[in-house]
Amino acid sequence: GSPDGTGRLIETLATTNPRVRVLHRPGKLGLGSAYRQAYRR
């Protein structure tokens, strides 16, 4: 949930390149939490 629009920028890049994806989360849930969720998926 980056306030500076990081997620929106990645989403824009993903629309033109299928090798780029982004998982949006609602707020700061921690680095380890991010990796665990991504790896499991």
PDB file of all heavy atoms in Angstrom:
ATOM      1  N   GLY A   1       0.796  -1.224   0.000  1.00  0.00           N
ATOM      2  CA  GLY A   1       0.000   0.000   0.000  1.00  0.00           C
ATOM      3  C   GLY A   1       0.825   1.270   0.000  1.00  0.00           C
ATOM      4  O   GLY A   1       0.499   2.232   0.722  1.00  0.00           O
ATOM      5  N   SER A   2       1.868   1.335  -0.794  1.00  0.00           N
ATOM      6  CA  SER A   2       2.778   2.489  -0.798  1.00  0.00           C
ATOM      7  C   SER A   2       2.033   3.798  -1.070  1.00  0.00           C
ATOM      8  O   SER A   2       1.399   3.949  -2.121  1.00  0.00           O
ATOM      9  CB  SER A   2       3.855   2.312  -1.868  1.00  0.00           C
ATOM     10  OG  SER A   2       4.666   1.199  -1.601  1.00  0.00           O
ATOM     11  N   PRO A   3       2.132   4.769  -0.167  1.00  0.00           N
ATOM     12  CA  PRO A   3       1.465   6.069  -0.393  1.00  0.00           C
ATOM     13  C   PRO A   3       2.013   6.828  -1.591  1.00  0.00           C
ATOM     14  O   PRO A   3       1.314   7.686  -2.146  1.00  0.00           O
ATOM     15  CB  PRO A   3       1.739   6.835   0.906  1.00  0.00           C
ATOM     16  CG  PRO A   3       2.041   5.789   1.925  1.00  0.00           C
ATOM     17  CD  PRO A   3       2.724   4.685   1.175  1.00  0.00           C
ATOM     18  N   ASP A   4       3.257   6.536  -1.994  1.00  0.00           N
ATOM     19  CA  ASP A   4       3.854   7.290  -3.102  1.00  0.00           C
ATOM     20  C   ASP A   4       3.454   6.757  -4.478  1.00  0.00           C
ATOM     21  O   ASP A   4       3.932   7.248  -5.494  1.00  0.00           O
ATOM     22  CB  ASP A   4       5.379   7.312  -2.965  1.00  0.00           C
ATOM     23  CG  ASP A   4       6.026   5.973  -3.297  1.00  0.00           C
ATOM     24  OD1 ASP A   4       5.305   4.949  -3.345  1.00  0.00           O
ATOM     25  OD2 ASP A   4       7.263   5.938  -3.493  1.00  0.00           O
ATOM     26  N   GLY A   5       2.592   5.751  -4.527  1.00  0.00           N
ATOM     27  CA  GLY A   5       2.124   5.238  -5.815  1.00  0.00           C
ATOM     28  C   GLY A   5       2.990   4.162  -6.421  1.00  0.00           C
ATOM     29  O   GLY A   5       2.850   3.855  -7.620  1.00  0.00           O
ATOM     30  N   THR A   6       3.872   3.550  -5.636  1.00  0.00           N
ATOM     31  CA  THR A   6       4.718   2.475  -6.161  1.00  0.00           C
ATOM     32  C   THR A   6       3.885   1.363  -6.783  1.00  0.00           C
ATOM     33  O   THR A   6       4.161   0.901  -7.898  1.00  0.00           O
ATOM     34  CB  THR A   6       5.594   1.889  -5.038  1.00  0.00           C
ATOM     35  OG1 THR A   6       6.475   2.890  -4.548  1.00  0.00           O
ATOM     36  CG2 THR A   6       6.426   0.726  -5.557  1.00  0.00           C
ATOM     37  N   GLY A   7       2.861   0.926  -6.065  1.00  0.00           N
ATOM     38  CA  GLY A   7       2.034  -0.167  -6.571  1.00  0.00           C
ATOM     39  C   GLY A   7       1.332   0.184  -7.865  1.00  0.00           C
ATOM     40  O   GLY A   7       1.233  -0.645  -8.781  1.00  0.00           O
ATOM     41  N   ARG A   8       0.853   1.404  -7.979  1.00  0.00           N
ATOM     42  CA  ARG A   8       0.169   1.832  -9.212  1.00  0.00           C
ATOM     43  C   ARG A   8       1.130   1.868 -10.387  1.00  0.00           C
ATOM     44  O   ARG A   8       0.772   1.486 -11.513  1.00  0.00           O
ATOM     45  CB  ARG A   8      -0.471   3.203  -9.008  1.00  0.00           C
ATOM     46  CG  ARG A   8      -1.631   3.204  -8.013  1.00  0.00           C
ATOM     47  CD  ARG A   8      -2.403   4.514  -8.068  1.00  0.00           C
ATOM     48  NE  ARG A   8      -1.571   5.656  -7.698  1.00  0.00           N
ATOM     49  CZ  ARG A   8      -1.376   6.075  -6.448  1.00  0.00           C
ATOM     50  NH1 ARG A   8      -1.938   5.414  -5.446  1.00  0.00           N
ATOM     51  NH2 ARG A   8      -0.644   7.130  -6.194  1.00  0.00           N
ATOM     52  N   LEU A   9       2.366   2.303 -10.139  1.00  0.00           N
ATOM     53  CA  LEU A   9       3.361   2.324 -11.207  1.00  0.00           C
ATOM     54  C   LEU A   9       3.660   0.910 -11.695  1.00  0.00           C
ATOM     55  O   LEU A   9       3.731   0.660 -12.907  1.00  0.00           O
ATOM     56  CB  LEU A   9       4.647   2.998 -10.721  1.00  0.00           C
ATOM     57  CG  LEU A   9       5.838   2.946 -11.684  1.00  0.00           C
ATOM     58  CD1 LEU A   9       5.492   3.621 -13.001  1.00  0.00           C
ATOM     59  CD2 LEU A   9       7.069   3.578 -11.054  1.00  0.00           C
ATOM     60  N   ILE A  10       3.847  -0.023 -10.765  1.00  0.00           N
ATOM     61  CA  ILE A  10       4.128  -1.402 -11.168  1.00  0.00           C
ATOM     62  C   ILE A  10       2.945  -1.972 -11.945  1.00  0.00           C
ATOM     63  O   ILE A  10       3.128  -2.687 -12.939  1.00  0.00           O
ATOM     64  CB  ILE A  10       4.437  -2.270  -9.935  1.00  0.00           C
ATOM     65  CG1 ILE A  10       5.654  -1.732  -9.182  1.00  0.00           C
ATOM     66  CG2 ILE A  10       4.684  -3.728 -10.356  1.00  0.00           C
ATOM     67  CD1 ILE A  10       5.885  -2.389  -7.828  1.00  0.00           C
ATOM     68  N   GLU A  11       1.741  -1.642 -11.512  1.00  0.00           N
ATOM     69  CA  GLU A  11       0.544  -2.113 -12.219  1.00  0.00           C
ATOM     70  C   GLU A  11       0.549  -1.607 -13.660  1.00  0.00           C
ATOM     71  O   GLU A  11       0.203  -2.339 -14.603  1.00  0.00           O
ATOM     72  CB  GLU A  11      -0.704  -1.630 -11.484  1.00  0.00           C
ATOM     73  CG  GLU A  11      -1.989  -2.307 -11.895  1.00  0.00           C
ATOM     74  CD  GLU A  11      -2.062  -3.751 -11.430  1.00  0.00           C
ATOM     75  OE1 GLU A  11      -2.017  -3.988 -10.214  1.00  0.00           O
ATOM     76  OE2 GLU A  11      -2.154  -4.642 -12.311  1.00  0.00           O
ATOM     77  N   THR A  12       0.953  -0.356 -13.852  1.00  0.00           N
ATOM     78  CA  THR A  12       1.029   0.199 -15.197  1.00  0.00           C
ATOM     79  C   THR A  12       2.059  -0.537 -16.046  1.00  0.00           C
ATOM     80  O   THR A  12       1.809  -0.875 -17.211  1.00  0.00           O
ATOM     81  CB  THR A  12       1.384   1.701 -15.137  1.00  0.00           C
ATOM     82  OG1 THR A  12       0.372   2.391 -14.410  1.00  0.00           O
ATOM     83  CG2 THR A  12       1.493   2.289 -16.535  1.00  0.00           C
ATOM     84  N   LEU A  13       3.223  -0.814 -15.460  1.00  0.00           N
ATOM     85  CA  LEU A  13       4.256  -1.558 -16.185  1.00  0.00           C
ATOM     86  C   LEU A  13       3.781  -2.967 -16.529  1.00  0.00           C
ATOM     87  O   LEU A  13       4.105  -3.499 -17.595  1.00  0.00           O
ATOM     88  CB  LEU A  13       5.530  -1.630 -15.343  1.00  0.00           C
ATOM     89  CG  LEU A  13       6.228  -0.304 -15.040  1.00  0.00           C
ATOM     90  CD1 LEU A  13       7.397  -0.528 -14.084  1.00  0.00           C
ATOM     91  CD2 LEU A  13       6.706   0.367 -16.313  1.00  0.00           C
ATOM     92  N   ALA A  14       3.005  -3.554 -15.648  1.00  0.00           N
ATOM     93  CA  ALA A  14       2.528  -4.922 -15.864  1.00  0.00           C
ATOM     94  C   ALA A  14       1.555  -5.014 -17.034  1.00  0.00           C
ATOM     95  O   ALA A  14       1.440  -6.071 -17.665  1.00  0.00           O
ATOM     96  CB  ALA A  14       1.874  -5.448 -14.589  1.00  0.00           C
ATOM     97  N   THR A  15       0.862  -3.919 -17.318  1.00  0.00           N
ATOM     98  CA  THR A  15      -0.104  -3.953 -18.421  1.00  0.00           C
ATOM     99  C   THR A  15       0.580  -4.086 -19.774  1.00  0.00           C
ATOM    100  O   THR A  15      -0.043  -4.532 -20.736  1.00  0.00           O
ATOM    101  CB  THR A  15      -0.978  -2.686 -18.429  1.00  0.00           C
ATOM    102  OG1 THR A  15      -0.142  -1.532 -18.611  1.00  0.00           O
ATOM    103  CG2 THR A  15      -1.762  -2.565 -17.121  1.00  0.00           C
ATOM    104  N   THR A  16       1.855  -3.715 -19.842  1.00  0.00           N
ATOM    105  CA  THR A  16       2.578  -3.789 -21.113  1.00  0.00           C
ATOM    106  C   THR A  16       3.652  -4.864 -21.124  1.00  0.00           C
ATOM    107  O   THR A  16       4.275  -5.084 -22.161  1.00  0.00           O
ATOM    108  CB  THR A  16       3.226  -2.431 -21.445  1.00  0.00           C
ATOM    109  OG1 THR A  16       4.131  -2.062 -20.396  1.00  0.00           O
ATOM    110  CG2 THR A  16       2.159  -1.359 -21.610  1.00  0.00           C
ATOM    111  N   ASN A  17       3.895  -5.517 -19.976  1.00  0.00           N
ATOM    112  CA  ASN A  17       4.913  -6.565 -19.930  1.00  0.00           C
ATOM    113  C   ASN A  17       4.418  -7.708 -19.048  1.00  0.00           C
ATOM    114  O   ASN A  17       4.335  -7.559 -17.832  1.00  0.00           O
ATOM    115  CB  ASN A  17       6.230  -6.018 -19.391  1.00  0.00           C
ATOM    116  CG  ASN A  17       7.392  -6.959 -19.696  1.00  0.00           C
ATOM    117  OD1 ASN A  17       7.279  -8.175 -19.553  1.00  0.00           O
ATOM    118  ND2 ASN A  17       8.511  -6.401 -20.132  1.00  0.00           N
ATOM    119  N   PRO A  18       4.112  -8.860 -19.645  1.00  0.00           N
ATOM    120  CA  PRO A  18       3.584  -9.989 -18.872  1.00  0.00           C
ATOM    121  C   PRO A  18       4.582 -10.591 -17.896  1.00  0.00           C
ATOM    122  O   PRO A  18       4.186 -11.390 -17.037  1.00  0.00           O
ATOM    123  CB  PRO A  18       3.198 -11.002 -19.959  1.00  0.00           C
ATOM    124  CG  PRO A  18       4.044 -10.645 -21.141  1.00  0.00           C
ATOM    125  CD  PRO A  18       4.217  -9.165 -21.085  1.00  0.00           C
ATOM    126  N   ARG A  19       5.852 -10.205 -17.982  1.00  0.00           N
ATOM    127  CA  ARG A  19       6.851 -10.722 -17.046  1.00  0.00           C
ATOM    128  C   ARG A  19       6.855  -9.965 -15.728  1.00  0.00           C
ATOM    129  O   ARG A  19       7.573 -10.333 -14.797  1.00  0.00           O
ATOM    130  CB  ARG A  19       8.249 -10.672 -17.684  1.00  0.00           C
ATOM    131  CG  ARG A  19       8.437 -11.672 -18.823  1.00  0.00           C
ATOM    132  CD  ARG A  19       9.728 -11.435 -19.567  1.00  0.00           C
ATOM    133  NE  ARG A  19      10.891 -11.556 -18.705  1.00  0.00           N
ATOM    134  CZ  ARG A  19      12.142 -11.259 -19.104  1.00  0.00           C
ATOM    135  NH1 ARG A  19      12.358 -10.817 -20.335  1.00  0.00           N
ATOM    136  NH2 ARG A  19      13.149 -11.398 -18.274  1.00  0.00           N
ATOM    137  N   VAL A  20       6.053  -8.914 -15.644  1.00  0.00           N
ATOM    138  CA  VAL A  20       5.972  -8.096 -14.426  1.00  0.00           C
ATOM    139  C   VAL A  20       4.588  -8.281 -13.809  1.00  0.00           C
ATOM    140  O   VAL A  20       3.563  -8.143 -14.485  1.00  0.00           O
ATOM    141  CB  VAL A  20       6.209  -6.610 -14.744  1.00  0.00           C
ATOM    142  CG1 VAL A  20       6.054  -5.767 -13.479  1.00  0.00           C
ATOM    143  CG2 VAL A  20       7.589  -6.409 -15.360  1.00  0.00           C
ATOM    144  N   ARG A  21       4.574  -8.589 -12.500  1.00  0.00           N
ATOM    145  CA  ARG A  21       3.310  -8.706 -11.763  1.00  0.00           C
ATOM    146  C   ARG A  21       3.452  -8.014 -10.408  1.00  0.00           C
ATOM    147  O   ARG A  21       4.556  -7.856  -9.898  1.00  0.00           O
ATOM    148  CB  ARG A  21       2.941 -10.180 -11.536  1.00  0.00           C
ATOM    149  CG  ARG A  21       2.478 -10.901 -12.780  1.00  0.00           C
ATOM    150  CD  ARG A  21       1.998 -12.305 -12.439  1.00  0.00           C
ATOM    151  NE  ARG A  21       3.096 -13.199 -12.128  1.00  0.00           N
ATOM    152  CZ  ARG A  21       2.937 -14.405 -11.563  1.00  0.00           C
ATOM    153  NH1 ARG A  21       1.729 -14.808 -11.197  1.00  0.00           N
ATOM    154  NH2 ARG A  21       3.980 -15.178 -11.332  1.00  0.00           N
ATOM    155  N   VAL A  22       2.324  -7.659  -9.817  1.00  0.00           N
ATOM    156  CA  VAL A  22       2.346  -7.038  -8.494  1.00  0.00           C
ATOM    157  C   VAL A  22       1.181  -7.570  -7.673  1.00  0.00           C
ATOM    158  O   VAL A  22       0.059  -7.712  -8.161  1.00  0.00           O
ATOM    159  CB  VAL A  22       2.299  -5.493  -8.587  1.00  0.00           C
ATOM    160  CG1 VAL A  22       1.065  -5.028  -9.342  1.00  0.00           C
ATOM    161  CG2 VAL A  22       2.361  -4.875  -7.196  1.00  0.00           C
ATOM    162  N   LEU A  23       1.471  -7.879  -6.425  1.00  0.00           N
ATOM    163  CA  LEU A  23       0.464  -8.249  -5.438  1.00  0.00           C
ATOM    164  C   LEU A  23       0.272  -7.055  -4.514  1.00  0.00           C
ATOM    165  O   LEU A  23       1.230  -6.609  -3.867  1.00  0.00           O
ATOM    166  CB  LEU A  23       0.921  -9.471  -4.644  1.00  0.00           C
ATOM    167  CG  LEU A  23       0.075  -9.862  -3.432  1.00  0.00           C
ATOM    168  CD1 LEU A  23      -1.322 -10.287  -3.867  1.00  0.00           C
ATOM    169  CD2 LEU A  23       0.753 -10.978  -2.639  1.00  0.00           C
ATOM    170  N   HIS A  24      -0.925  -6.541  -4.454  1.00  0.00           N
ATOM    171  CA  HIS A  24      -1.217  -5.377  -3.617  1.00  0.00           C
ATOM    172  C   HIS A  24      -1.703  -5.838  -2.250  1.00  0.00           C
ATOM    173  O   HIS A  24      -2.596  -6.684  -2.137  1.00  0.00           O
ATOM    174  CB  HIS A  24      -2.291  -4.504  -4.280  1.00  0.00           C
ATOM    175  CG  HIS A  24      -1.897  -3.945  -5.598  1.00  0.00           C
ATOM    176  ND1 HIS A  24      -1.072  -2.858  -5.737  1.00  0.00           N
ATOM    177  CD2 HIS A  24      -2.208  -4.343  -6.864  1.00  0.00           C
ATOM    178  CE1 HIS A  24      -0.898  -2.581  -7.019  1.00  0.00           C
ATOM    179  NE2 HIS A  24      -1.571  -3.475  -7.729  1.00  0.00           N
ATOM    180  N   ARG A  25      -1.119  -5.258  -1.197  1.00  0.00           N
ATOM    181  CA  ARG A  25      -1.562  -5.539   0.167  1.00  0.00           C
ATOM    182  C   ARG A  25      -2.007  -4.216   0.792  1.00  0.00           C
ATOM    183  O   ARG A  25      -1.562  -3.135   0.388  1.00  0.00           O
ATOM    184  CB  ARG A  25      -0.431  -6.188   0.973  1.00  0.00           C
ATOM    185  CG  ARG A  25       0.125  -7.437   0.290  1.00  0.00           C
ATOM    186  CD  ARG A  25       0.795  -8.398   1.246  1.00  0.00           C
ATOM    187  NE  ARG A  25       1.874  -7.804   2.015  1.00  0.00           N
ATOM    188  CZ  ARG A  25       2.512  -8.438   3.004  1.00  0.00           C
ATOM    189  NH1 ARG A  25       2.167  -9.674   3.324  1.00  0.00           N
ATOM    190  NH2 ARG A  25       3.502  -7.850   3.665  1.00  0.00           N
ATOM    191  N   PRO A  26      -2.869  -4.268   1.798  1.00  0.00           N
ATOM    192  CA  PRO A  26      -3.522  -3.042   2.280  1.00  0.00           C
ATOM    193  C   PRO A  26      -2.643  -2.108   3.098  1.00  0.00           C
ATOM    194  O   PRO A  26      -2.997  -0.956   3.314  1.00  0.00           O
ATOM    195  CB  PRO A  26      -4.676  -3.574   3.134  1.00  0.00           C
ATOM    196  CG  PRO A  26      -4.221  -4.931   3.578  1.00  0.00           C
ATOM    197  CD  PRO A  26      -3.438  -5.478   2.432  1.00  0.00           C
ATOM    198  N   GLY A  27      -1.492  -2.581   3.574  1.00  0.00           N
ATOM    199  CA  GLY A  27      -0.638  -1.735   4.401  1.00  0.00           C
ATOM    200  C   GLY A  27       0.638  -2.471   4.752  1.00  0.00           C
ATOM    201  O   GLY A  27       0.900  -3.574   4.252  1.00  0.00           O
ATOM    202  N   LYS A  28       1.463  -1.860   5.615  1.00  0.00           N
ATOM    203  CA  LYS A  28       2.752  -2.437   5.984  1.00  0.00           C
ATOM    204  C   LYS A  28       2.539  -3.641   6.899  1.00  0.00           C
ATOM    205  O   LYS A  28       2.209  -3.492   8.069  1.00  0.00           O
ATOM    206  CB  LYS A  28       3.620  -1.383   6.674  1.00  0.00           C
ATOM    207  CG  LYS A  28       4.031  -0.236   5.755  1.00  0.00           C
ATOM    208  CD  LYS A  28       4.991   0.713   6.451  1.00  0.00           C
ATOM    209  CE  LYS A  28       6.344   0.094   6.647  1.00  0.00           C
ATOM    210  NZ  LYS A  28       7.342   1.060   7.176  1.00  0.00           N
ATOM    211  N   LEU A  29       2.754  -4.825   6.342  1.00  0.00           N
ATOM    212  CA  LEU A  29       2.554  -6.067   7.079  1.00  0.00           C
ATOM    213  C   LEU A  29       3.870  -6.777   7.368  1.00  0.00           C
ATOM    214  O   LEU A  29       3.865  -7.852   7.967  1.00  0.00           O
ATOM    215  CB  LEU A  29       1.618  -6.996   6.291  1.00  0.00           C
ATOM    216  CG  LEU A  29       0.239  -6.407   5.976  1.00  0.00           C
ATOM    217  CD1 LEU A  29      -0.562  -7.376   5.108  1.00  0.00           C
ATOM    218  CD2 LEU A  29      -0.512  -6.086   7.259  1.00  0.00           C
ATOM    219  N   GLY A  30       4.983  -6.192   6.948  1.00  0.00           N
ATOM    220  CA  GLY A  30       6.288  -6.751   7.283  1.00  0.00           C
ATOM    221  C   GLY A  30       6.969  -7.453   6.124  1.00  0.00           C
ATOM    222  O   GLY A  30       6.316  -8.057   5.266  1.00  0.00           O
ATOM    223  N   LEU A  31       8.294  -7.380   6.116  1.00  0.00           N
ATOM    224  CA  LEU A  31       9.088  -7.978   5.050  1.00  0.00           C
ATOM    225  C   LEU A  31       8.910  -9.489   5.002  1.00  0.00           C
ATOM    226  O   LEU A  31       8.681 -10.078   3.936  1.00  0.00           O
ATOM    227  CB  LEU A  31      10.567  -7.634   5.263  1.00  0.00           C
ATOM    228  CG  LEU A  31      11.536  -8.140   4.198  1.00  0.00           C
ATOM    229  CD1 LEU A  31      11.400  -7.314   2.934  1.00  0.00           C
ATOM    230  CD2 LEU A  31      12.976  -8.088   4.713  1.00  0.00           C
ATOM    231  N   GLY A  32       9.021 -10.139   6.160  1.00  0.00           N
ATOM    232  CA  GLY A  32       8.881 -11.590   6.195  1.00  0.00           C
ATOM    233  C   GLY A  32       7.506 -12.030   5.743  1.00  0.00           C
ATOM    234  O   GLY A  32       7.361 -13.023   5.016  1.00  0.00           O
ATOM    235  N   SER A  33       6.490 -11.300   6.164  1.00  0.00           N
ATOM    236  CA  SER A  33       5.120 -11.602   5.746  1.00  0.00           C
ATOM    237  C   SER A  33       4.978 -11.506   4.234  1.00  0.00           C
ATOM    238  O   SER A  33       4.317 -12.339   3.601  1.00  0.00           O
ATOM    239  CB  SER A  33       4.155 -10.642   6.441  1.00  0.00           C
ATOM    240  OG  SER A  33       2.876 -10.712   5.881  1.00  0.00           O
ATOM    241  N   ALA A  34       5.597 -10.494   3.642  1.00  0.00           N
ATOM    242  CA  ALA A  34       5.530 -10.320   2.186  1.00  0.00           C
ATOM    243  C   ALA A  34       6.169 -11.497   1.467  1.00  0.00           C
ATOM    244  O   ALA A  34       5.601 -12.045   0.511  1.00  0.00           O
ATOM    245  CB  ALA A  34       6.221  -9.016   1.789  1.00  0.00           C
ATOM    246  N   TYR A  35       7.358 -11.894   1.917  1.00  0.00           N
ATOM    247  CA  TYR A  35       8.031 -13.014   1.268  1.00  0.00           C
ATOM    248  C   TYR A  35       7.245 -14.309   1.448  1.00  0.00           C
ATOM    249  O   TYR A  35       7.093 -15.095   0.501  1.00  0.00           O
ATOM    250  CB  TYR A  35       9.444 -13.177   1.825  1.00  0.00           C
ATOM    251  CG  TYR A  35      10.468 -12.284   1.172  1.00  0.00           C
ATOM    252  CD1 TYR A  35      11.252 -11.414   1.931  1.00  0.00           C
ATOM    253  CD2 TYR A  35      10.667 -12.306  -0.204  1.00  0.00           C
ATOM    254  CE1 TYR A  35      12.195 -10.590   1.332  1.00  0.00           C
ATOM    255  CE2 TYR A  35      11.606 -11.487  -0.816  1.00  0.00           C
ATOM    256  CZ  TYR A  35      12.368 -10.634  -0.036  1.00  0.00           C
ATOM    257  OH  TYR A  35      13.305  -9.827  -0.639  1.00  0.00           O
ATOM    258  N   ARG A  36       6.746 -14.556   2.643  1.00  0.00           N
ATOM    259  CA  ARG A  36       6.008 -15.797   2.868  1.00  0.00           C
ATOM    260  C   ARG A  36       4.779 -15.883   1.973  1.00  0.00           C
ATOM    261  O   ARG A  36       4.503 -16.921   1.368  1.00  0.00           O
ATOM    262  CB  ARG A  36       5.592 -15.917   4.345  1.00  0.00           C
ATOM    263  CG  ARG A  36       6.724 -16.244   5.284  1.00  0.00           C
ATOM    264  CD  ARG A  36       6.193 -16.767   6.623  1.00  0.00           C
ATOM    265  NE  ARG A  36       5.294 -15.824   7.262  1.00  0.00           N
ATOM    266  CZ  ARG A  36       5.678 -14.846   8.074  1.00  0.00           C
ATOM    267  NH1 ARG A  36       6.967 -14.664   8.335  1.00  0.00           N
ATOM    268  NH2 ARG A  36       4.795 -14.039   8.639  1.00  0.00           N
ATOM    269  N   GLN A  37       4.046 -14.786   1.871  1.00  0.00           N
ATOM    270  CA  GLN A  37       2.849 -14.789   1.041  1.00  0.00           C
ATOM    271  C   GLN A  37       3.201 -14.983  -0.433  1.00  0.00           C
ATOM    272  O   GLN A  37       2.528 -15.743  -1.151  1.00  0.00           O
ATOM    273  CB  GLN A  37       2.074 -13.481   1.233  1.00  0.00           C
ATOM    274  CG  GLN A  37       0.713 -13.465   0.546  1.00  0.00           C
ATOM    275  CD  GLN A  37      -0.117 -12.253   0.931  1.00  0.00           C
ATOM    276  OE1 GLN A  37       0.250 -11.474   1.808  1.00  0.00           O
ATOM    277  NE2 GLN A  37      -1.253 -12.083   0.273  1.00  0.00           N
ATOM    278  N   ALA A  38       4.256 -14.315  -0.883  1.00  0.00           N
ATOM    279  CA  ALA A  38       4.662 -14.448  -2.282  1.00  0.00           C
ATOM    280  C   ALA A  38       5.156 -15.859  -2.591  1.00  0.00           C
ATOM    281  O   ALA A  38       4.768 -16.464  -3.606  1.00  0.00           O
ATOM    282  CB  ALA A  38       5.753 -13.431  -2.599  1.00  0.00           C
ATOM    283  N   TYR A  39       6.012 -16.405  -1.731  1.00  0.00           N
ATOM    284  CA  TYR A  39       6.544 -17.740  -1.983  1.00  0.00           C
ATOM    285  C   TYR A  39       5.429 -18.777  -2.032  1.00  0.00           C
ATOM    286  O   TYR A  39       5.412 -19.671  -2.898  1.00  0.00           O
ATOM    287  CB  TYR A  39       7.553 -18.130  -0.899  1.00  0.00           C
ATOM    288  CG  TYR A  39       8.840 -17.344  -0.923  1.00  0.00           C
ATOM    289  CD1 TYR A  39       9.579 -17.139   0.247  1.00  0.00           C
ATOM    290  CD2 TYR A  39       9.338 -16.797  -2.103  1.00  0.00           C
ATOM    291  CE1 TYR A  39      10.772 -16.427   0.233  1.00  0.00           C
ATOM    292  CE2 TYR A  39      10.519 -16.082  -2.120  1.00  0.00           C
ATOM    293  CZ  TYR A  39      11.229 -15.900  -0.950  1.00  0.00           C
ATOM    294  OH  TYR A  39      12.406 -15.194  -0.960  1.00  0.00           O
ATOM    295  N   ARG A  40       4.498 -18.678  -1.099  1.00  0.00           N
ATOM    296  CA  ARG A  40       3.407 -19.660  -1.068  1.00  0.00           C
ATOM    297  C   ARG A  40       2.588 -19.601  -2.352  1.00  0.00           C
ATOM    298  O   ARG A  40       2.182 -20.631  -2.895  1.00  0.00           O
ATOM    299  CB  ARG A  40       2.520 -19.400   0.142  1.00  0.00           C
ATOM    300  CG  ARG A  40       1.454 -20.452   0.370  1.00  0.00           C
ATOM    301  CD  ARG A  40       1.015 -20.470   1.807  1.00  0.00           C
ATOM    302  NE  ARG A  40       2.093 -20.894   2.687  1.00  0.00           N
ATOM    303  CZ  ARG A  40       2.024 -20.861   4.020  1.00  0.00           C
ATOM    304  NH1 ARG A  40       0.927 -20.426   4.615  1.00  0.00           N
ATOM    305  NH2 ARG A  40       3.046 -21.267   4.757  1.00  0.00           N
ATOM    306  N   ARG A  41       2.373 -18.415  -2.840  1.00  0.00           N
ATOM    307  CA  ARG A  41       1.613 -18.269  -4.093  1.00  0.00           C
ATOM    308  C   ARG A  41       2.423 -18.765  -5.279  1.00  0.00           C
ATOM    309  O   ARG A  41       1.904 -19.493  -6.142  1.00  0.00           O
ATOM    310  CB  ARG A  41       1.235 -16.801  -4.274  1.00  0.00           C
ATOM    311  CG  ARG A  41       0.557 -16.484  -5.596  1.00  0.00           C
ATOM    312  CD  ARG A  41      -0.022 -15.092  -5.581  1.00  0.00           C
ATOM    313  NE  ARG A  41      -0.495 -14.690  -6.893  1.00  0.00           N
ATOM    314  CZ  ARG A  41      -1.262 -13.625  -7.114  1.00  0.00           C
ATOM    315  NH1 ARG A  41      -1.652 -12.877  -6.093  1.00  0.00           N
ATOM    316  NH2 ARG A  41      -1.644 -13.310  -8.327  1.00  0.00           N
TER     317      ARG A  41
END
